[in-house]
Amino acid sequence: MQIFGVTGEWLGRMGNTEAEQEREREREQAPEPEPEWKGILLAKPSVSVRKGIAWGTNPPSEPTSTLVLTSTKSYYVDIRFSLTGPTATSPPHYWAFAGTSKSTFPPLHPIISPHHQPTPPSTRETHSISFPCSIHTTWTRYLDSRGDITTPDQGTTYLLHNGDCLETGTMINPDTGTWQSYQELWTSPPANDVDDQQDRTNDLEQLPTIRDESPPTQHQPTRSELKVKVKATVALLHRPPPPQLSTESGSGSEVKGMIVRIGNYCQGIIEMPPSTSSSSSSNVESGVCHQQSTAQAGSVRVERWRFNSKTDSILSGIGIGIGTGGVMEEEGKKTGAEGGEWMRDERSNYKEDKAEGIWMPCLWVCEGKKRIGDSTEKEGFAATWTVVEVEGW
């Protein structure tokens, strides 16, 4: 509708044209962009280091050297070397486990009962609300050094203003053997060395400047959307369960070994074949929770590796270095183009044992380009390790 003045002059138009109305409808129907914090909480592959844990209302402490490597498809290896016992794998604080994880966000809007009506305060019903900057994660365990792969493992993580994350939930306190609420503080250091971080800095400096005349719909990449190319590889070891320990479903082979390499870090975990005389019960005092399991106490072996580049990792300052002596695995030692090499954490308790039938090729996973389906075997061992995920090559 056009508007004219008293003398007939054209003053303008009332309402939108059909084209403008169509554009307005498209804008209303377009999904809202996801907030940046969601991308940060979902970012994978990832390297996570625990900075401390608080049980109940007690002050936080850090009795372990905890490193978690998680792939894009959510395979993870979590190794927590003890800093308090006589050895790094001494109970009760040592813990190592691996599996897959699944994360979900809380509802975007409050959930209100359809029958909710204002009532007196004494009988007023409550309804759920959503906390921003939070994500709920459930971890499924295939292997566990404490012998428990059935107890639910879940927690809610909150993104802090400095980029660290605070995880909350309940689990068994290894010092007391009872369920308690906990808070864990996590940080995510760079997965790659300084050269890759410099590349990212250069990319940021080369971002185009958003000018005033740019259309408002033009999208410019943010810092969280610039992904550093991180090499990630996951290899699994499947082994059929022995007849005396097979499940009713007869689900075939089980995951009994996992190696995850994320950037400059690699962790592996393998379960020794159980014996026919294994006991299914265990206790917290021996480093194992009170749960039924096919795993034996002490039947899991682990290994941690770090690529020691020309610039030392910040992890060395928070207990995720290569150990006090810097013991290096001589067999298969790899030297990089910049003079770096893969260093084995001396706290690792894995050792190749043909008699026990355990073999874990972490360096094979770390070295060279891998493709999904690649596998490796070793003479004298029945195990075959197979690559199931590759990224960044």
Protein backbone atom coordinates (compact mmCIF):
# COMPACT_ATOMS: atom_id res chain seq x y z
CA MET A 1 0.00 0.00 0.00
CA GLN A 2 1.42 3.40 -1.09
CA ILE A 3 1.04 6.54 1.00
CA PHE A 4 0.52 10.01 -0.52
CA GLY A 5 0.47 13.46 1.07
CA VAL A 6 -2.37 15.99 1.00
CA THR A 7 -0.86 17.60 -2.09
CA GLY A 8 -0.47 14.28 -3.85
CA GLU A 9 3.22 13.79 -3.23
CA TRP A 10 4.36 10.18 -2.76
CA LEU A 11 5.44 9.56 0.81
CA GLY A 12 6.28 5.90 0.78
CA ARG A 13 4.84 2.44 1.07
CA MET A 14 3.05 0.74 3.96
CA GLY A 15 3.83 -2.94 4.49
CA ASN A 16 6.32 -5.14 2.69
CA THR A 17 6.37 -6.19 -0.91
CA GLU A 18 5.78 -9.85 -1.73
CA ALA A 19 9.52 -10.39 -2.19
CA GLU A 20 10.26 -8.80 1.16
CA GLN A 21 7.56 -10.87 2.82
CA GLU A 22 9.04 -14.03 1.31
CA ARG A 23 12.50 -13.14 2.60
CA GLU A 24 11.03 -12.50 6.02
CA ARG A 25 9.35 -15.91 6.03
CA GLU A 26 12.62 -17.59 5.03
CA ARG A 27 14.43 -15.87 7.88
CA GLU A 28 11.78 -17.01 10.35
CA GLN A 29 11.93 -20.60 9.10
CA ALA A 30 15.73 -20.79 8.99
CA PRO A 31 17.20 -22.70 11.94
CA GLU A 32 19.00 -20.63 14.52
CA PRO A 33 22.80 -20.99 14.39
CA GLU A 34 24.24 -23.20 17.09
CA PRO A 35 26.01 -21.30 19.87
CA GLU A 36 29.80 -21.43 19.79
CA TRP A 37 30.02 -23.21 23.15
CA LYS A 38 28.38 -26.29 21.68
CA GLY A 39 31.12 -26.61 19.09
CA ILE A 40 33.76 -26.30 21.80
CA LEU A 41 32.21 -29.00 23.97
CA LEU A 42 31.78 -31.35 20.99
CA ALA A 43 35.24 -30.74 19.51
CA LYS A 44 37.00 -34.00 18.58
CA PRO A 45 39.53 -35.51 18.27
CA SER A 46 40.63 -34.25 21.65
CA VAL A 47 43.34 -34.47 24.27
CA SER A 48 42.09 -34.03 27.84
CA VAL A 49 44.17 -33.68 30.98
CA ARG A 50 42.66 -33.74 34.44
CA LYS A 51 43.86 -30.95 36.73
CA GLY A 52 42.09 -32.08 39.89
CA ILE A 53 39.18 -33.89 41.52
CA ALA A 54 37.02 -32.99 44.54
CA TRP A 55 34.89 -35.58 46.36
CA GLY A 56 31.71 -34.32 47.99
CA THR A 57 32.46 -31.03 49.74
CA ASN A 58 36.17 -31.78 50.22
CA PRO A 59 38.83 -29.55 48.63
CA PRO A 60 40.23 -30.67 45.26
CA SER A 61 43.47 -32.57 44.78
CA GLU A 62 45.18 -34.49 42.00
CA PRO A 63 46.48 -37.94 43.01
CA THR A 64 46.98 -39.11 39.40
CA SER A 65 48.52 -38.28 36.06
CA THR A 66 45.38 -38.54 33.93
CA LEU A 67 45.32 -38.31 30.14
CA VAL A 68 42.29 -39.08 27.95
CA LEU A 69 42.53 -39.38 24.16
CA THR A 70 39.21 -39.29 22.27
CA SER A 71 38.76 -39.79 18.53
CA THR A 72 36.20 -38.15 16.26
CA LYS A 73 34.06 -41.31 16.38
CA SER A 74 34.27 -41.20 20.19
CA TYR A 75 36.70 -44.06 20.82
CA TYR A 76 38.70 -43.20 23.94
CA VAL A 77 41.55 -44.49 26.10
CA ASP A 78 41.71 -43.10 29.64
CA ILE A 79 44.87 -43.83 31.69
CA ARG A 80 45.32 -42.52 35.23
CA PHE A 81 48.75 -43.26 36.68
CA SER A 82 48.94 -42.99 40.46
CA LEU A 83 51.11 -40.27 41.97
CA THR A 84 50.62 -41.45 45.56
CA GLY A 85 51.34 -45.19 45.65
CA PRO A 86 54.64 -47.07 45.62
CA THR A 87 54.25 -47.50 41.84
CA ALA A 88 52.33 -45.69 39.13
CA THR A 89 49.96 -48.65 38.79
CA SER A 90 49.33 -49.11 42.51
CA PRO A 91 45.77 -49.13 43.85
CA PRO A 92 43.61 -47.43 44.75
CA HIS A 93 44.18 -44.42 42.50
CA TYR A 94 45.55 -46.11 39.38
CA TRP A 95 42.83 -46.68 36.81
CA ALA A 96 42.80 -47.41 33.09
CA PHE A 97 39.83 -48.05 30.83
CA ALA A 98 38.69 -47.66 27.23
CA GLY A 99 35.52 -47.69 25.18
CA THR A 100 33.21 -45.25 23.42
CA SER A 101 31.30 -42.18 24.57
CA LYS A 102 28.05 -40.47 23.64
CA SER A 103 27.14 -36.86 24.42
CA THR A 104 23.81 -35.02 24.42
CA PHE A 105 22.76 -31.46 25.15
CA PRO A 106 19.97 -30.51 27.53
CA PRO A 107 16.74 -29.16 26.00
CA LEU A 108 17.04 -25.69 24.53
CA HIS A 109 13.88 -24.51 26.26
CA PRO A 110 12.33 -25.26 29.64
CA ILE A 111 10.17 -28.39 29.73
CA ILE A 112 6.82 -27.45 31.26
CA SER A 113 4.10 -29.91 32.09
CA PRO A 114 1.05 -29.35 29.83
CA HIS A 115 -1.14 -29.57 32.93
CA HIS A 116 0.88 -27.04 34.89
CA GLN A 117 -1.29 -24.32 36.34
CA PRO A 118 -0.46 -21.66 38.95
CA THR A 119 -1.09 -23.18 42.37
CA PRO A 120 -0.28 -22.18 45.93
CA PRO A 121 3.47 -22.29 46.71
CA SER A 122 3.15 -25.34 48.97
CA THR A 123 1.85 -27.54 46.13
CA ARG A 124 3.36 -25.83 43.09
CA GLU A 125 5.03 -28.38 40.81
CA THR A 126 8.49 -27.80 39.39
CA HIS A 127 9.72 -28.21 35.84
CA SER A 128 13.09 -28.88 34.21
CA ILE A 129 15.25 -26.06 32.95
CA SER A 130 18.32 -26.15 30.76
CA PHE A 131 21.76 -24.95 31.82
CA PRO A 132 23.72 -23.25 29.02
CA CYS A 133 27.31 -24.25 28.25
CA SER A 134 26.77 -27.83 29.45
CA ILE A 135 26.76 -31.30 27.94
CA HIS A 136 25.86 -34.74 29.31
CA THR A 137 28.14 -37.67 28.42
CA THR A 138 27.84 -41.43 28.91
CA TRP A 139 30.98 -43.57 28.68
CA THR A 140 30.70 -47.22 27.69
CA ARG A 141 33.69 -49.30 28.79
CA TYR A 142 35.08 -52.24 26.82
CA LEU A 143 38.09 -52.72 29.11
CA ASP A 144 38.68 -51.67 32.71
CA SER A 145 41.69 -52.26 34.96
CA ARG A 146 39.31 -52.39 37.95
CA GLY A 147 37.38 -55.21 36.36
CA ASP A 148 34.08 -53.37 36.03
CA ILE A 149 32.58 -52.74 32.59
CA THR A 150 28.91 -52.76 33.61
CA THR A 151 28.40 -49.93 36.10
CA PRO A 152 27.00 -46.85 34.35
CA ASP A 153 29.55 -44.08 33.87
CA GLN A 154 28.10 -40.67 33.12
CA GLY A 155 28.56 -37.04 33.99
CA THR A 156 27.62 -33.48 33.08
CA THR A 157 30.35 -31.14 31.87
CA TYR A 158 30.24 -27.36 32.08
CA LEU A 159 32.41 -25.09 29.91
CA LEU A 160 34.23 -22.47 31.97
CA HIS A 161 35.14 -18.97 30.85
CA ASN A 162 38.85 -19.86 30.45
CA GLY A 163 38.17 -22.85 28.17
CA ASP A 164 38.60 -25.49 30.89
CA CYS A 165 35.72 -27.83 31.72
CA LEU A 166 34.17 -28.85 35.05
CA GLU A 167 32.68 -32.36 35.07
CA THR A 168 30.19 -33.32 37.77
CA GLY A 169 28.55 -36.62 38.64
CA THR A 170 28.72 -39.57 41.03
CA MET A 171 31.04 -42.57 41.09
CA ILE A 172 32.85 -44.86 43.52
CA ASN A 173 35.50 -43.11 45.58
CA PRO A 174 38.50 -45.50 45.50
CA ASP A 175 39.61 -44.32 48.94
CA THR A 176 36.31 -45.23 50.63
CA GLY A 177 34.68 -47.75 48.29
CA THR A 178 31.40 -45.79 48.46
CA TRP A 179 29.46 -43.79 45.89
CA GLN A 180 30.09 -40.06 46.16
CA SER A 181 29.50 -36.93 44.16
CA TYR A 182 32.59 -35.56 42.43
CA GLN A 183 33.86 -32.59 40.48
CA GLU A 184 36.71 -32.96 38.00
CA LEU A 185 38.54 -30.06 36.37
CA TRP A 186 39.77 -30.77 32.84
CA THR A 187 41.90 -28.84 30.39
CA SER A 188 42.46 -29.48 26.67
CA PRO A 189 46.03 -28.70 25.58
CA PRO A 190 46.95 -28.61 21.89
CA ALA A 191 47.15 -32.04 20.29
CA ASN A 192 50.01 -30.99 18.00
CA ASP A 193 53.36 -29.32 18.51
CA VAL A 194 54.18 -25.62 18.17
CA ASP A 195 54.54 -25.74 14.38
CA ASP A 196 50.89 -26.71 13.94
CA GLN A 197 49.83 -24.02 16.38
CA GLN A 198 51.84 -21.47 14.40
CA ASP A 199 50.01 -22.58 11.26
CA ARG A 200 46.74 -21.90 13.01
CA THR A 201 47.94 -18.46 14.09
CA ASN A 202 48.86 -17.69 10.48
CA ASP A 203 45.40 -18.79 9.34
CA LEU A 204 43.81 -16.44 11.85
CA GLU A 205 45.94 -13.54 10.67
CA GLN A 206 44.89 -14.19 7.07
CA LEU A 207 41.16 -14.13 7.84
CA PRO A 208 39.32 -11.53 5.70
CA THR A 209 38.15 -8.48 7.59
CA ILE A 210 34.39 -8.05 7.79
CA ARG A 211 33.68 -4.69 6.18
CA ASP A 212 30.70 -2.49 6.90
CA GLU A 213 29.34 -3.01 3.41
CA SER A 214 29.39 -6.82 3.73
CA PRO A 215 25.93 -8.38 3.54
CA PRO A 216 24.67 -9.27 7.02
CA THR A 217 24.18 -12.90 5.94
CA GLN A 218 27.82 -13.33 4.89
CA HIS A 219 29.50 -15.74 7.31
CA GLN A 220 33.09 -15.36 8.37
CA PRO A 221 34.89 -18.25 10.12
CA THR A 222 35.44 -17.88 13.83
CA ARG A 223 38.38 -19.15 15.85
CA SER A 224 36.43 -22.19 17.02
CA GLU A 225 35.60 -23.10 13.40
CA LEU A 226 39.21 -23.12 12.28
CA LYS A 227 40.23 -26.74 12.76
CA VAL A 228 43.85 -27.67 13.13
CA LYS A 229 44.74 -30.72 11.07
CA VAL A 230 45.29 -33.37 13.72
CA LYS A 231 46.41 -36.88 12.83
CA ALA A 232 44.18 -39.39 14.59
CA THR A 233 44.26 -43.19 14.34
CA VAL A 234 42.33 -45.87 16.22
CA ALA A 235 43.18 -49.59 16.17
CA LEU A 236 41.23 -52.36 17.89
CA LEU A 237 42.03 -55.90 18.95
CA HIS A 238 39.08 -58.33 18.87
CA ARG A 239 39.26 -61.67 20.59
CA PRO A 240 36.47 -64.28 20.82
CA PRO A 241 35.46 -64.92 24.44
CA PRO A 242 36.35 -68.36 25.82
CA PRO A 243 33.38 -70.76 26.08
CA GLN A 244 33.25 -70.64 29.89
CA LEU A 245 32.92 -66.82 29.80
CA SER A 246 30.74 -66.39 26.74
CA THR A 247 27.53 -64.42 27.12
CA GLU A 248 24.06 -65.78 26.59
CA SER A 249 23.69 -63.69 23.45
CA GLY A 250 26.83 -65.22 21.96
CA SER A 251 27.79 -61.87 20.45
CA GLY A 252 31.05 -63.14 18.97
CA SER A 253 34.37 -61.39 19.43
CA GLU A 254 34.92 -58.71 22.05
CA VAL A 255 37.14 -55.64 22.04
CA LYS A 256 40.10 -56.65 24.17
CA GLY A 257 42.59 -54.02 23.06
CA MET A 258 42.49 -50.41 21.89
CA ILE A 259 45.12 -47.94 20.72
CA VAL A 260 44.24 -44.29 20.16
CA ARG A 261 46.72 -41.83 18.67
CA ILE A 262 45.73 -38.14 18.70
CA GLY A 263 48.36 -35.76 17.33
CA ASN A 264 51.48 -36.00 19.46
CA TYR A 265 49.96 -38.43 21.96
CA CYS A 266 49.20 -42.14 21.90
CA GLN A 267 47.77 -44.50 24.50
CA GLY A 268 47.12 -48.23 24.33
CA ILE A 269 45.35 -50.69 26.58
CA ILE A 270 45.10 -54.48 26.30
CA GLU A 271 43.45 -57.18 28.39
CA MET A 272 45.30 -60.43 28.96
CA PRO A 273 43.34 -63.59 28.06
CA PRO A 274 41.43 -64.66 31.22
CA SER A 275 42.14 -68.04 32.78
CA THR A 276 39.51 -70.65 33.50
CA SER A 277 40.04 -70.15 37.22
CA SER A 278 39.40 -66.42 37.18
CA SER A 279 37.16 -64.98 39.85
CA SER A 280 34.36 -62.63 38.94
CA SER A 281 34.34 -60.73 42.22
CA SER A 282 36.83 -58.15 43.38
CA ASN A 283 37.24 -55.30 45.81
CA VAL A 284 38.28 -51.71 45.95
CA GLU A 285 41.26 -52.46 48.20
CA SER A 286 42.84 -54.50 45.40
CA GLY A 287 42.17 -51.71 42.91
CA VAL A 288 38.95 -53.25 41.62
CA CYS A 289 35.36 -52.24 42.35
CA HIS A 290 32.71 -54.59 43.74
CA GLN A 291 31.21 -55.62 40.40
CA GLN A 292 30.77 -58.77 38.33
CA SER A 293 33.13 -58.86 35.37
CA THR A 294 35.02 -61.19 33.08
CA ALA A 295 38.19 -59.20 33.70
CA GLN A 296 40.73 -60.15 36.34
CA ALA A 297 42.44 -57.82 38.76
CA GLY A 298 45.69 -56.79 37.15
CA SER A 299 44.80 -58.35 33.79
CA VAL A 300 44.95 -55.04 31.92
CA ARG A 301 48.21 -53.57 30.61
CA VAL A 302 48.67 -50.00 29.37
CA GLU A 303 51.16 -47.87 27.49
CA ARG A 304 51.50 -44.12 26.97
CA TRP A 305 53.58 -42.41 24.29
CA ARG A 306 54.33 -38.78 23.45
CA PHE A 307 56.07 -37.35 20.42
CA ASN A 308 58.84 -35.21 21.87
CA SER A 309 59.18 -32.38 19.35
CA LYS A 310 61.73 -29.57 19.41
CA THR A 311 59.39 -27.61 21.69
CA ASP A 312 58.46 -29.34 24.93
CA SER A 313 54.77 -29.92 25.53
CA ILE A 314 52.94 -28.02 28.25
CA LEU A 315 51.83 -31.43 29.51
CA SER A 316 55.25 -31.99 31.04
CA GLY A 317 54.46 -29.38 33.65
CA ILE A 318 51.31 -31.13 34.83
CA GLY A 319 52.43 -34.72 35.09
CA ILE A 320 51.83 -35.95 31.53
CA GLY A 321 55.45 -36.06 30.47
CA ILE A 322 57.51 -39.14 29.77
CA GLY A 323 58.25 -39.94 33.39
CA THR A 324 61.15 -39.02 35.60
CA GLY A 325 63.74 -40.91 33.63
CA GLY A 326 62.47 -40.38 30.13
CA VAL A 327 62.79 -44.08 29.28
CA MET A 328 62.61 -44.61 25.53
CA GLU A 329 61.44 -47.73 23.74
CA GLU A 330 64.48 -48.73 21.69
CA GLU A 331 62.61 -51.11 19.41
CA GLY A 332 60.86 -49.11 16.70
CA LYS A 333 62.10 -45.74 17.93
CA LYS A 334 61.06 -43.09 15.44
CA THR A 335 62.82 -39.81 14.71
CA GLY A 336 60.79 -37.02 13.14
CA ALA A 337 61.78 -34.49 10.53
CA GLU A 338 62.41 -31.86 13.21
CA GLY A 339 64.55 -34.16 15.35
CA GLY A 340 61.71 -35.29 17.58
CA GLU A 341 60.93 -38.86 18.49
CA TRP A 342 58.20 -40.96 20.07
CA MET A 343 58.98 -41.37 23.76
CA ARG A 344 57.50 -44.10 25.95
CA ASP A 345 56.24 -43.13 29.40
CA GLU A 346 58.26 -45.22 31.85
CA ARG A 347 55.19 -45.66 34.04
CA SER A 348 53.63 -47.90 31.38
CA ASN A 349 53.17 -51.49 32.62
CA TYR A 350 52.80 -53.18 29.22
CA LYS A 351 55.47 -55.62 28.15
CA GLU A 352 55.26 -57.96 25.19
CA ASP A 353 54.68 -61.46 26.50
CA LYS A 354 54.32 -64.39 24.13
CA ALA A 355 53.51 -66.75 26.97
CA GLU A 356 50.56 -64.60 28.00
CA GLY A 357 49.64 -63.84 24.42
CA ILE A 358 49.73 -60.04 24.73
CA TRP A 359 51.13 -57.76 22.06
CA MET A 360 50.29 -54.08 21.57
CA PRO A 361 51.81 -52.23 18.53
CA CYS A 362 51.51 -48.59 19.59
CA LEU A 363 54.44 -47.48 17.44
CA TRP A 364 52.90 -49.18 14.40
CA VAL A 365 49.81 -47.02 14.91
CA CYS A 366 51.92 -43.88 15.30
CA GLU A 367 54.25 -44.39 12.36
CA GLY A 368 53.28 -43.69 8.77
CA LYS A 369 49.96 -43.13 7.06
CA LYS A 370 47.26 -45.63 7.94
CA ARG A 371 43.99 -46.49 6.22
CA ILE A 372 40.83 -48.01 7.62
CA GLY A 373 41.14 -51.77 7.37
CA ASP A 374 44.93 -51.85 7.69
CA SER A 375 45.99 -54.62 10.05
CA THR A 376 49.12 -56.06 11.57
CA GLU A 377 50.04 -59.42 13.01
CA LYS A 378 53.12 -60.80 14.69
CA GLU A 379 54.56 -64.27 14.48
CA GLY A 380 53.78 -66.33 17.53
CA PHE A 381 50.72 -64.27 18.50
CA ALA A 382 47.12 -65.05 17.63
CA ALA A 383 46.06 -61.41 17.87
CA THR A 384 45.38 -59.15 14.87
CA TRP A 385 45.18 -55.39 15.34
CA THR A 386 42.96 -53.57 12.80
CA VAL A 387 42.64 -49.84 12.07
CA VAL A 388 38.99 -48.73 12.42
CA GLU A 389 39.33 -44.94 12.23
CA VAL A 390 41.72 -42.53 10.52
CA GLU A 391 41.65 -38.74 10.30
CA GLY A 392 43.95 -35.89 9.35
CA TRP A 393 46.27 -37.72 6.96
